[in-house]
Amino acid sequence: MHQPVLVKEVLEGLIPERRDVIVDSTVGTGGHAEAIVSKLKGKAKLICTDRDEDALRIAKTRLAKYEKRIRFAHVRFSQIEDLLADLNVRSVSGFLFDFGMCALHLQNAKRGFSFQLDGPLDMRMDRSQSKNAYEVVNSYSLTELARILWEFGQEKFSRRIARAIVNRRSRSPILTTFQLRDIVESAIDKRYRIKSLARVFQAIRIEVNDELNQLKEGLNQAIGLLAPGGRLALISYHSLEHRLIREKIRQESRGCICPPDLPVCGCGAKATLRVITRKPIVPTPEEIEANPSARSAKLWVAEKLGAGPTEE
């Protein structure tokens, strides 16, 4: 079972016992959701969404005893607004996004996410979509491959690896994760192989699932749907996510964007968020020892500004 990270800190950030409607936008196998729903009071509800139907099935079983408090939905971040409109939910008092990979993905060779397990080149979080890793690896041009390896993996050998992929597929299609791993390993010095493999697989996964665009859209929709005093809790795991979240929270909490030497504000921009975590919260050494996959996690918490009361 996937072990959720920073559970205590998420609960402290969201304050679920004071909330009416909380959305767990990345329910996965239900670890955070179980902790949240157990704290809900009165008529408070939890809405659990995920783009992976396998994860939703597991979460539904795990959380069955709370079925009267929970609604489940198979949607991606960009569809949350439409989902809540269909449910007649006009505002939300808490949003959780945990952008990390689920063990359900990494430990199942058939899903094709891991370079440590041999399986088909898939990497789809939502298996109802058509684009998969096979398509990216076997049909993208050398330039396109190099771009995503650089932009989404920050891989310094991006062009060399892209060229090796194109050369190899010219003889026959690349079908499996181990075939892709062998290509990457053959292209670079063994000193860099493990880190490069992680970056390459991350980059292809992000491209397949449109992760960064979905992250941006999810944040925009969540901020718009939060009630005054509502909380936003975000867990990120790599520098691309860290940067997007940091910049979004900074933008939404800044207000006026006029040049500092302008005597009167002319932009009219107003802050929509209050920062709760001036620095992101990271796991304790004890949590990392118990759950090594938590080592890169960062938790960001912000509160929606407005006419309603804030809660500490």
C-alpha atoms as a PDB file:
ATOM      1  CA  MET A   1       0.000   0.000   0.000  1.00  0.00           C
ATOM      2  CA  HIS A   2       1.239   3.480  -0.886  1.00  0.00           C
ATOM      3  CA  GLN A   3       2.436   5.393   2.192  1.00  0.00           C
ATOM      4  CA  PRO A   4       1.235   9.019   2.229  1.00  0.00           C
ATOM      5  CA  VAL A   5       3.724  11.744   3.152  1.00  0.00           C
ATOM      6  CA  LEU A   6       3.457  14.619   5.629  1.00  0.00           C
ATOM      7  CA  VAL A   7       0.048  13.441   6.887  1.00  0.00           C
ATOM      8  CA  LYS A   8       0.207  15.283  10.225  1.00  0.00           C
ATOM      9  CA  GLU A   9       1.341  18.465   8.495  1.00  0.00           C
ATOM     10  CA  VAL A  10      -1.412  18.221   5.867  1.00  0.00           C
ATOM     11  CA  LEU A  11      -4.053  17.908   8.581  1.00  0.00           C
ATOM     12  CA  GLU A  12      -2.629  20.903  10.430  1.00  0.00           C
ATOM     13  CA  GLY A  13      -2.639  22.909   7.193  1.00  0.00           C
ATOM     14  CA  LEU A  14      -6.149  22.018   6.071  1.00  0.00           C
ATOM     15  CA  ILE A  15      -7.763  22.021   9.552  1.00  0.00           C
ATOM     16  CA  PRO A  16     -10.395  19.478   8.405  1.00  0.00           C
ATOM     17  CA  GLU A  17     -12.427  19.602  11.634  1.00  0.00           C
ATOM     18  CA  ARG A  18     -13.413  23.204  10.785  1.00  0.00           C
ATOM     19  CA  ARG A  19     -14.321  22.625   7.142  1.00  0.00           C
ATOM     20  CA  ASP A  20     -17.505  21.949   5.181  1.00  0.00           C
ATOM     21  CA  VAL A  21     -16.269  20.560   1.863  1.00  0.00           C
ATOM     22  CA  ILE A  22     -12.727  19.346   1.219  1.00  0.00           C
ATOM     23  CA  VAL A  23     -11.482  18.084  -2.141  1.00  0.00           C
ATOM     24  CA  ASP A  24      -8.644  15.558  -2.277  1.00  0.00           C
ATOM     25  CA  SER A  25      -7.699  16.060  -5.912  1.00  0.00           C
ATOM     26  CA  THR A  26      -5.139  13.248  -5.932  1.00  0.00           C
ATOM     27  CA  VAL A  27      -6.741  10.594  -3.768  1.00  0.00           C
ATOM     28  CA  GLY A  28      -4.511   7.776  -5.047  1.00  0.00           C
ATOM     29  CA  THR A  29      -5.052   4.760  -2.817  1.00  0.00           C
ATOM     30  CA  GLY A  30      -6.632   6.905  -0.092  1.00  0.00           C
ATOM     31  CA  GLY A  31      -3.897   7.508   2.484  1.00  0.00           C
ATOM     32  CA  HIS A  32      -4.381  11.244   2.951  1.00  0.00           C
ATOM     33  CA  ALA A  33      -8.132  10.935   2.407  1.00  0.00           C
ATOM     34  CA  GLU A  34      -8.462   8.430   5.244  1.00  0.00           C
ATOM     35  CA  ALA A  35      -6.676  10.807   7.628  1.00  0.00           C
ATOM     36  CA  ILE A  36      -8.789  13.776   6.486  1.00  0.00           C
ATOM     37  CA  VAL A  37     -12.209  12.114   6.551  1.00  0.00           C
ATOM     38  CA  SER A  38     -11.602  10.745  10.048  1.00  0.00           C
ATOM     39  CA  LYS A  39     -11.335  14.351  11.297  1.00  0.00           C
ATOM     40  CA  LEU A  40     -14.436  15.757   9.588  1.00  0.00           C
ATOM     41  CA  LYS A  41     -17.163  17.065  11.868  1.00  0.00           C
ATOM     42  CA  GLY A  42     -20.902  17.585  11.475  1.00  0.00           C
ATOM     43  CA  LYS A  43     -22.122  17.376   7.873  1.00  0.00           C
ATOM     44  CA  ALA A  44     -18.715  18.018   6.318  1.00  0.00           C
ATOM     45  CA  LYS A  45     -17.968  16.113   3.097  1.00  0.00           C
ATOM     46  CA  LEU A  46     -14.854  14.903   1.273  1.00  0.00           C
ATOM     47  CA  ILE A  47     -14.741  14.763  -2.523  1.00  0.00           C
ATOM     48  CA  CYS A  48     -12.038  12.432  -3.825  1.00  0.00           C
ATOM     49  CA  THR A  49     -10.844  12.667  -7.410  1.00  0.00           C
ATOM     50  CA  ASP A  50      -8.141  10.955  -9.420  1.00  0.00           C
ATOM     51  CA  ARG A  51      -7.360  10.403 -13.078  1.00  0.00           C
ATOM     52  CA  ASP A  52      -6.434   6.753 -12.406  1.00  0.00           C
ATOM     53  CA  GLU A  53      -9.434   4.420 -12.189  1.00  0.00           C
ATOM     54  CA  ASP A  54      -7.371   1.641 -10.574  1.00  0.00           C
ATOM     55  CA  ALA A  55      -6.423   4.001  -7.733  1.00  0.00           C
ATOM     56  CA  LEU A  56     -10.043   5.072  -7.301  1.00  0.00           C
ATOM     57  CA  ARG A  57     -11.182   1.458  -6.957  1.00  0.00           C
ATOM     58  CA  ILE A  58      -8.631   0.833  -4.205  1.00  0.00           C
ATOM     59  CA  ALA A  59      -9.528   4.089  -2.432  1.00  0.00           C
ATOM     60  CA  LYS A  60     -13.242   3.243  -2.529  1.00  0.00           C
ATOM     61  CA  THR A  61     -12.571  -0.098  -0.842  1.00  0.00           C
ATOM     62  CA  ARG A  62     -10.244   1.426   1.734  1.00  0.00           C
ATOM     63  CA  LEU A  63     -12.680   4.205   2.620  1.00  0.00           C
ATOM     64  CA  ALA A  64     -15.890   2.175   2.421  1.00  0.00           C
ATOM     65  CA  LYS A  65     -16.807   2.797   6.051  1.00  0.00           C
ATOM     66  CA  TYR A  66     -16.904   6.540   5.315  1.00  0.00           C
ATOM     67  CA  GLU A  67     -19.089   6.213   2.231  1.00  0.00           C
ATOM     68  CA  LYS A  68     -21.759   8.612   3.550  1.00  0.00           C
ATOM     69  CA  ARG A  69     -19.184  11.417   3.744  1.00  0.00           C
ATOM     70  CA  ILE A  70     -17.302  10.815   0.475  1.00  0.00           C
ATOM     71  CA  ARG A  71     -17.945  11.275  -3.237  1.00  0.00           C
ATOM     72  CA  PHE A  72     -15.515   9.771  -5.772  1.00  0.00           C
ATOM     73  CA  ALA A  73     -14.929  10.947  -9.332  1.00  0.00           C
ATOM     74  CA  HIS A  74     -12.662   9.968 -12.207  1.00  0.00           C
ATOM     75  CA  VAL A  75     -11.442  13.356 -13.455  1.00  0.00           C
ATOM     76  CA  ARG A  76      -8.215  15.202 -14.131  1.00  0.00           C
ATOM     77  CA  PHE A  77      -7.372  18.559 -12.570  1.00  0.00           C
ATOM     78  CA  SER A  78      -8.701  20.559 -15.506  1.00  0.00           C
ATOM     79  CA  GLN A  79     -12.154  18.964 -14.991  1.00  0.00           C
ATOM     80  CA  ILE A  80     -12.576  19.713 -11.270  1.00  0.00           C
ATOM     81  CA  GLU A  81     -14.551  22.900 -11.853  1.00  0.00           C
ATOM     82  CA  ASP A  82     -17.054  21.091 -14.085  1.00  0.00           C
ATOM     83  CA  LEU A  83     -17.323  18.218 -11.602  1.00  0.00           C
ATOM     84  CA  LEU A  84     -18.144  20.513  -8.692  1.00  0.00           C
ATOM     85  CA  ALA A  85     -20.702  22.369 -10.807  1.00  0.00           C
ATOM     86  CA  ASP A  86     -22.386  19.026 -11.566  1.00  0.00           C
ATOM     87  CA  LEU A  87     -22.399  18.265  -7.818  1.00  0.00           C
ATOM     88  CA  ASN A  88     -23.858  21.722  -7.104  1.00  0.00           C
ATOM     89  CA  VAL A  89     -20.816  22.628  -4.988  1.00  0.00           C
ATOM     90  CA  ARG A  90     -20.265  26.361  -5.332  1.00  0.00           C
ATOM     91  CA  SER A  91     -17.307  26.783  -2.989  1.00  0.00           C
ATOM     92  CA  VAL A  92     -14.786  24.569  -1.251  1.00  0.00           C
ATOM     93  CA  SER A  93     -13.185  25.019   2.160  1.00  0.00           C
ATOM     94  CA  GLY A  94     -10.062  22.973   1.457  1.00  0.00           C
ATOM     95  CA  PHE A  95      -8.105  21.521  -1.456  1.00  0.00           C
ATOM     96  CA  LEU A  96      -5.314  18.953  -1.294  1.00  0.00           C
ATOM     97  CA  PHE A  97      -3.040  18.206  -4.245  1.00  0.00           C
ATOM     98  CA  ASP A  98      -0.318  15.563  -3.803  1.00  0.00           C
ATOM     99  CA  PHE A  99       1.597  15.585  -7.069  1.00  0.00           C
ATOM    100  CA  GLY A 100       3.802  12.585  -6.258  1.00  0.00           C
ATOM    101  CA  MET A 101       3.914   9.259  -8.018  1.00  0.00           C
ATOM    102  CA  CYS A 102       1.852   6.520  -6.428  1.00  0.00           C
ATOM    103  CA  ALA A 103       3.408   3.168  -5.565  1.00  0.00           C
ATOM    104  CA  LEU A 104       0.491   1.680  -7.515  1.00  0.00           C
ATOM    105  CA  HIS A 105       2.198   3.020 -10.641  1.00  0.00           C
ATOM    106  CA  LEU A 106       5.838   2.385  -9.833  1.00  0.00           C
ATOM    107  CA  GLN A 107       5.407  -1.156  -8.523  1.00  0.00           C
ATOM    108  CA  ASN A 108       3.302  -2.434 -11.416  1.00  0.00           C
ATOM    109  CA  ALA A 109       5.491  -3.374 -14.388  1.00  0.00           C
ATOM    110  CA  LYS A 110       2.496  -3.380 -16.739  1.00  0.00           C
ATOM    111  CA  ARG A 111       2.013   0.360 -16.196  1.00  0.00           C
ATOM    112  CA  GLY A 112       5.459   1.093 -17.630  1.00  0.00           C
ATOM    113  CA  PHE A 113       6.476   3.898 -15.263  1.00  0.00           C
ATOM    114  CA  SER A 114       9.667   2.427 -13.800  1.00  0.00           C
ATOM    115  CA  PHE A 115      13.053   1.763 -15.412  1.00  0.00           C
ATOM    116  CA  GLN A 116      13.606  -0.878 -12.694  1.00  0.00           C
ATOM    117  CA  LEU A 117      10.806  -3.140 -13.938  1.00  0.00           C
ATOM    118  CA  ASP A 118      10.408  -4.490 -17.460  1.00  0.00           C
ATOM    119  CA  GLY A 119       7.057  -3.659 -18.963  1.00  0.00           C
ATOM    120  CA  PRO A 120       5.366  -2.027 -21.939  1.00  0.00           C
ATOM    121  CA  LEU A 121       6.046   1.647 -22.674  1.00  0.00           C
ATOM    122  CA  ASP A 122       2.799   3.038 -21.308  1.00  0.00           C
ATOM    123  CA  MET A 123       3.067   5.610 -18.455  1.00  0.00           C
ATOM    124  CA  ARG A 124      -0.567   6.728 -18.728  1.00  0.00           C
ATOM    125  CA  MET A 125      -2.077   7.736 -15.405  1.00  0.00           C
ATOM    126  CA  ASP A 126      -5.463   7.672 -17.121  1.00  0.00           C
ATOM    127  CA  ARG A 127      -5.569   4.581 -19.299  1.00  0.00           C
ATOM    128  CA  SER A 128      -8.611   5.873 -21.151  1.00  0.00           C
ATOM    129  CA  GLN A 129      -6.427   8.428 -22.950  1.00  0.00           C
ATOM    130  CA  SER A 130      -4.739   7.482 -26.213  1.00  0.00           C
ATOM    131  CA  LYS A 131      -1.261   9.044 -25.912  1.00  0.00           C
ATOM    132  CA  ASN A 132       1.256   6.797 -24.196  1.00  0.00           C
ATOM    133  CA  ALA A 133       5.023   6.502 -23.797  1.00  0.00           C
ATOM    134  CA  TYR A 134       5.294   4.230 -26.831  1.00  0.00           C
ATOM    135  CA  GLU A 135       3.940   7.021 -29.028  1.00  0.00           C
ATOM    136  CA  VAL A 136       6.300   9.623 -27.554  1.00  0.00           C
ATOM    137  CA  VAL A 137       9.392   7.425 -27.823  1.00  0.00           C
ATOM    138  CA  ASN A 138       8.652   6.065 -31.297  1.00  0.00           C
ATOM    139  CA  SER A 139       7.059   8.989 -33.123  1.00  0.00           C
ATOM    140  CA  TYR A 140       8.459  12.234 -31.723  1.00  0.00           C
ATOM    141  CA  SER A 141      11.198  13.851 -33.796  1.00  0.00           C
ATOM    142  CA  LEU A 142      14.746  14.108 -32.490  1.00  0.00           C
ATOM    143  CA  THR A 143      14.165  17.801 -31.762  1.00  0.00           C
ATOM    144  CA  GLU A 144      10.921  17.122 -29.896  1.00  0.00           C
ATOM    145  CA  LEU A 145      12.481  14.335 -27.838  1.00  0.00           C
ATOM    146  CA  ALA A 146      15.494  16.463 -26.932  1.00  0.00           C
ATOM    147  CA  ARG A 147      13.185  19.309 -25.922  1.00  0.00           C
ATOM    148  CA  ILE A 148      11.064  17.286 -23.506  1.00  0.00           C
ATOM    149  CA  LEU A 149      14.118  15.568 -21.994  1.00  0.00           C
ATOM    150  CA  TRP A 150      15.617  18.999 -21.354  1.00  0.00           C
ATOM    151  CA  GLU A 151      12.473  20.875 -20.293  1.00  0.00           C
ATOM    152  CA  PHE A 152      10.762  18.158 -18.255  1.00  0.00           C
ATOM    153  CA  GLY A 153      13.758  16.124 -17.119  1.00  0.00           C
ATOM    154  CA  GLN A 154      16.444  18.820 -16.971  1.00  0.00           C
ATOM    155  CA  GLU A 155      18.689  16.217 -18.564  1.00  0.00           C
ATOM    156  CA  LYS A 156      22.011  17.689 -19.706  1.00  0.00           C
ATOM    157  CA  PHE A 157      22.587  14.820 -22.162  1.00  0.00           C
ATOM    158  CA  SER A 158      19.142  15.327 -23.695  1.00  0.00           C
ATOM    159  CA  ARG A 159      20.206  15.588 -27.326  1.00  0.00           C
ATOM    160  CA  ARG A 160      22.637  12.679 -27.105  1.00  0.00           C
ATOM    161  CA  ILE A 161      19.944  10.442 -25.589  1.00  0.00           C
ATOM    162  CA  ALA A 162      17.320  11.618 -28.090  1.00  0.00           C
ATOM    163  CA  ARG A 163      19.669  10.806 -30.953  1.00  0.00           C
ATOM    164  CA  ALA A 164      20.302   7.318 -29.510  1.00  0.00           C
ATOM    165  CA  ILE A 165      16.538   6.718 -29.288  1.00  0.00           C
ATOM    166  CA  VAL A 166      15.965   7.816 -32.892  1.00  0.00           C
ATOM    167  CA  ASN A 167      18.854   5.677 -34.170  1.00  0.00           C
ATOM    168  CA  ARG A 168      17.616   2.608 -32.291  1.00  0.00           C
ATOM    169  CA  ARG A 169      13.973   2.912 -33.396  1.00  0.00           C
ATOM    170  CA  SER A 170      15.031   3.245 -37.041  1.00  0.00           C
ATOM    171  CA  ARG A 171      15.822  -0.490 -36.912  1.00  0.00           C
ATOM    172  CA  SER A 172      12.714  -1.584 -34.992  1.00  0.00           C
ATOM    173  CA  PRO A 173      10.192  -0.024 -32.606  1.00  0.00           C
ATOM    174  CA  ILE A 174      11.123   0.450 -28.952  1.00  0.00           C
ATOM    175  CA  LEU A 175       8.543  -1.557 -27.035  1.00  0.00           C
ATOM    176  CA  THR A 176       9.555  -1.878 -23.386  1.00  0.00           C
ATOM    177  CA  THR A 177      10.959   0.026 -20.443  1.00  0.00           C
ATOM    178  CA  PHE A 178      14.081  -2.148 -20.393  1.00  0.00           C
ATOM    179  CA  GLN A 179      14.720  -1.475 -24.074  1.00  0.00           C
ATOM    180  CA  LEU A 180      14.513   2.245 -23.372  1.00  0.00           C
ATOM    181  CA  ARG A 181      16.735   1.843 -20.332  1.00  0.00           C
ATOM    182  CA  ASP A 182      19.372   0.018 -22.400  1.00  0.00           C
ATOM    183  CA  ILE A 183      19.361   2.843 -24.956  1.00  0.00           C
ATOM    184  CA  VAL A 184      19.856   5.509 -22.304  1.00  0.00           C
ATOM    185  CA  GLU A 185      22.620   3.525 -20.622  1.00  0.00           C
ATOM    186  CA  SER A 186      24.410   3.009 -23.933  1.00  0.00           C
ATOM    187  CA  ALA A 187      24.362   6.744 -24.661  1.00  0.00           C
ATOM    188  CA  ILE A 188      26.048   8.095 -21.541  1.00  0.00           C
ATOM    189  CA  ASP A 189      28.861   7.372 -19.121  1.00  0.00           C
ATOM    190  CA  LYS A 190      27.980   4.914 -16.361  1.00  0.00           C
ATOM    191  CA  ARG A 191      28.669   7.597 -13.721  1.00  0.00           C
ATOM    192  CA  TYR A 192      25.498   9.432 -14.746  1.00  0.00           C
ATOM    193  CA  ARG A 193      23.224   6.547 -15.648  1.00  0.00           C
ATOM    194  CA  ILE A 194      20.928   6.284 -12.626  1.00  0.00           C
ATOM    195  CA  LYS A 195      20.179  10.009 -12.461  1.00  0.00           C
ATOM    196  CA  SER A 196      19.765  10.239 -16.225  1.00  0.00           C
ATOM    197  CA  LEU A 197      17.400   7.275 -16.269  1.00  0.00           C
ATOM    198  CA  ALA A 198      15.254   8.919 -13.589  1.00  0.00           C
ATOM    199  CA  ARG A 199      15.202  12.187 -15.546  1.00  0.00           C
ATOM    200  CA  VAL A 200      14.386  10.544 -18.868  1.00  0.00           C
ATOM    201  CA  PHE A 201      11.515   8.511 -17.453  1.00  0.00           C
ATOM    202  CA  GLN A 202      10.219  11.551 -15.565  1.00  0.00           C
ATOM    203  CA  ALA A 203      10.314  13.693 -18.698  1.00  0.00           C
ATOM    204  CA  ILE A 204       8.436  11.168 -20.822  1.00  0.00           C
ATOM    205  CA  ARG A 205       5.859  10.623 -18.062  1.00  0.00           C
ATOM    206  CA  ILE A 206       5.241  14.362 -17.749  1.00  0.00           C
ATOM    207  CA  GLU A 207       4.776  14.652 -21.516  1.00  0.00           C
ATOM    208  CA  VAL A 208       2.419  11.673 -21.712  1.00  0.00           C
ATOM    209  CA  ASN A 209       0.191  12.967 -18.921  1.00  0.00           C
ATOM    210  CA  ASP A 210       0.496  16.712 -19.648  1.00  0.00           C
ATOM    211  CA  GLU A 211       1.346  17.044 -15.975  1.00  0.00           C
ATOM    212  CA  LEU A 212       2.576  20.615 -15.774  1.00  0.00           C
ATOM    213  CA  ASN A 213      -0.342  22.082 -17.715  1.00  0.00           C
ATOM    214  CA  GLN A 214      -2.727  20.050 -15.577  1.00  0.00           C
ATOM    215  CA  LEU A 215      -0.987  21.320 -12.434  1.00  0.00           C
ATOM    216  CA  LYS A 216      -1.383  24.940 -13.564  1.00  0.00           C
ATOM    217  CA  GLU A 217      -5.041  24.473 -14.481  1.00  0.00           C
ATOM    218  CA  GLY A 218      -5.761  22.623 -11.251  1.00  0.00           C
ATOM    219  CA  LEU A 219      -4.285  25.442  -9.174  1.00  0.00           C
ATOM    220  CA  ASN A 220      -6.239  28.081 -11.099  1.00  0.00           C
ATOM    221  CA  GLN A 221      -9.509  26.232 -10.632  1.00  0.00           C
ATOM    222  CA  ALA A 222      -8.870  25.447  -6.967  1.00  0.00           C
ATOM    223  CA  ILE A 223      -8.052  29.066  -6.113  1.00  0.00           C
ATOM    224  CA  GLY A 224     -11.192  30.223  -7.893  1.00  0.00           C
ATOM    225  CA  LEU A 225     -13.357  27.703  -6.026  1.00  0.00           C
ATOM    226  CA  LEU A 226     -11.958  28.234  -2.534  1.00  0.00           C
ATOM    227  CA  ALA A 227     -14.232  30.010  -0.078  1.00  0.00           C
ATOM    228  CA  PRO A 228     -12.797  32.923   1.928  1.00  0.00           C
ATOM    229  CA  GLY A 229     -10.694  31.390   4.685  1.00  0.00           C
ATOM    230  CA  GLY A 230     -10.398  28.138   2.718  1.00  0.00           C
ATOM    231  CA  ARG A 231      -7.053  26.371   2.626  1.00  0.00           C
ATOM    232  CA  LEU A 232      -4.928  25.079  -0.240  1.00  0.00           C
ATOM    233  CA  ALA A 233      -2.377  22.336   0.577  1.00  0.00           C
ATOM    234  CA  LEU A 234       0.075  21.308  -2.143  1.00  0.00           C
ATOM    235  CA  ILE A 235       2.726  18.581  -2.024  1.00  0.00           C
ATOM    236  CA  SER A 236       5.387  18.743  -4.742  1.00  0.00           C
ATOM    237  CA  TYR A 237       8.373  16.489  -5.428  1.00  0.00           C
ATOM    238  CA  HIS A 238      10.679  17.922  -8.065  1.00  0.00           C
ATOM    239  CA  SER A 239      12.043  21.310  -9.052  1.00  0.00           C
ATOM    240  CA  LEU A 240       9.588  21.900 -11.914  1.00  0.00           C
ATOM    241  CA  GLU A 241       6.630  21.462  -9.568  1.00  0.00           C
ATOM    242  CA  HIS A 242       8.338  23.439  -6.793  1.00  0.00           C
ATOM    243  CA  ARG A 243       8.911  26.383  -9.113  1.00  0.00           C
ATOM    244  CA  LEU A 244       5.394  26.452 -10.558  1.00  0.00           C
ATOM    245  CA  ILE A 245       3.796  26.324  -7.119  1.00  0.00           C
ATOM    246  CA  ARG A 246       6.137  28.901  -5.597  1.00  0.00           C
ATOM    247  CA  GLU A 247       5.559  31.348  -8.446  1.00  0.00           C
ATOM    248  CA  LYS A 248       1.768  30.856  -8.396  1.00  0.00           C
ATOM    249  CA  ILE A 249       1.472  31.406  -4.645  1.00  0.00           C
ATOM    250  CA  ARG A 250       3.777  34.418  -4.847  1.00  0.00           C
ATOM    251  CA  GLN A 251       1.711  35.893  -7.696  1.00  0.00           C
ATOM    252  CA  GLU A 252      -1.631  35.321  -5.954  1.00  0.00           C
ATOM    253  CA  SER A 253      -0.429  36.712  -2.628  1.00  0.00           C
ATOM    254  CA  ARG A 254       1.329  39.770  -4.019  1.00  0.00           C
ATOM    255  CA  GLY A 255      -1.553  41.975  -5.171  1.00  0.00           C
ATOM    256  CA  CYS A 256      -0.330  45.131  -6.891  1.00  0.00           C
ATOM    257  CA  ILE A 257       2.167  44.517  -9.695  1.00  0.00           C
ATOM    258  CA  CYS A 258       2.887  48.156 -10.546  1.00  0.00           C
ATOM    259  CA  PRO A 259       6.505  49.370 -10.653  1.00  0.00           C
ATOM    260  CA  PRO A 260       7.632  50.306  -7.123  1.00  0.00           C
ATOM    261  CA  ASP A 261       8.323  53.933  -8.104  1.00  0.00           C
ATOM    262  CA  LEU A 262       4.701  54.490  -9.228  1.00  0.00           C
ATOM    263  CA  PRO A 263       3.034  56.742  -6.598  1.00  0.00           C
ATOM    264  CA  VAL A 264      -0.472  55.313  -7.093  1.00  0.00           C
ATOM    265  CA  CYS A 265      -1.501  51.759  -8.034  1.00  0.00           C
ATOM    266  CA  GLY A 266      -2.688  51.617 -11.613  1.00  0.00           C
ATOM    267  CA  CYS A 267      -3.052  47.869 -12.118  1.00  0.00           C
ATOM    268  CA  GLY A 268      -5.884  47.251  -9.669  1.00  0.00           C
ATOM    269  CA  ALA A 269      -4.594  43.772  -8.893  1.00  0.00           C
ATOM    270  CA  LYS A 270      -5.653  42.359  -5.523  1.00  0.00           C
ATOM    271  CA  ALA A 271      -4.083  39.533  -3.556  1.00  0.00           C
ATOM    272  CA  THR A 272      -6.230  36.396  -3.461  1.00  0.00           C
ATOM    273  CA  LEU A 273      -4.101  34.238  -1.137  1.00  0.00           C
ATOM    274  CA  ARG A 274      -2.383  34.588   2.209  1.00  0.00           C
ATOM    275  CA  VAL A 275       0.763  32.493   2.562  1.00  0.00           C
ATOM    276  CA  ILE A 276       0.654  30.133   5.558  1.00  0.00           C
ATOM    277  CA  THR A 277       4.006  28.415   4.997  1.00  0.00           C
ATOM    278  CA  ARG A 278       6.656  31.068   4.362  1.00  0.00           C
ATOM    279  CA  LYS A 279       8.990  28.178   3.636  1.00  0.00           C
ATOM    280  CA  PRO A 280       7.634  24.834   2.426  1.00  0.00           C
ATOM    281  CA  ILE A 281       7.381  22.116   5.067  1.00  0.00           C
ATOM    282  CA  VAL A 282       9.624  19.094   4.503  1.00  0.00           C
ATOM    283  CA  PRO A 283       9.533  15.621   6.068  1.00  0.00           C
ATOM    284  CA  THR A 284      11.381  14.966   9.292  1.00  0.00           C
ATOM    285  CA  PRO A 285      14.456  12.691   9.241  1.00  0.00           C
ATOM    286  CA  GLU A 286      12.325  10.083  11.018  1.00  0.00           C
ATOM    287  CA  GLU A 287       9.686  10.128   8.264  1.00  0.00           C
ATOM    288  CA  ILE A 288      12.319   9.885   5.549  1.00  0.00           C
ATOM    289  CA  GLU A 289      13.901   6.911   7.310  1.00  0.00           C
ATOM    290  CA  ALA A 290      10.522   5.179   7.498  1.00  0.00           C
ATOM    291  CA  ASN A 291       9.488   6.217   3.968  1.00  0.00           C
ATOM    292  CA  PRO A 292      12.487   7.097   1.723  1.00  0.00           C
ATOM    293  CA  SER A 293      10.174   8.192  -1.123  1.00  0.00           C
ATOM    294  CA  ALA A 294       9.203  11.178   1.046  1.00  0.00           C
ATOM    295  CA  ARG A 295      12.692  12.693   0.920  1.00  0.00           C
ATOM    296  CA  SER A 296      11.980  15.180  -1.895  1.00  0.00           C
ATOM    297  CA  ALA A 297       8.474  16.179  -0.761  1.00  0.00           C
ATOM    298  CA  LYS A 298       7.592  19.791   0.034  1.00  0.00           C
ATOM    299  CA  LEU A 299       4.281  20.982   1.471  1.00  0.00           C
ATOM    300  CA  TRP A 300       2.937  24.450   0.651  1.00  0.00           C
ATOM    301  CA  VAL A 301      -0.124  25.902   2.382  1.00  0.00           C
ATOM    302  CA  ALA A 302      -2.027  29.083   1.513  1.00  0.00           C
ATOM    303  CA  GLU A 303      -5.364  30.563   2.547  1.00  0.00           C
ATOM    304  CA  LYS A 304      -7.993  32.281   0.415  1.00  0.00           C
ATOM    305  CA  LEU A 305      -8.520  35.946   1.229  1.00  0.00           C
ATOM    306  CA  GLY A 306     -11.940  37.557   1.256  1.00  0.00           C
ATOM    307  CA  ALA A 307     -14.787  38.682   3.447  1.00  0.00           C
ATOM    308  CA  GLY A 308     -15.032  35.476   5.443  1.00  0.00           C
ATOM    309  CA  PRO A 309     -13.174  34.807   8.713  1.00  0.00           C
ATOM    310  CA  THR A 310      -9.730  33.231   8.666  1.00  0.00           C
ATOM    311  CA  GLU A 311      -8.814  30.342  10.937  1.00  0.00           C
ATOM    312  CA  GLU A 312      -5.468  29.650  12.495  1.00  0.00           C
END
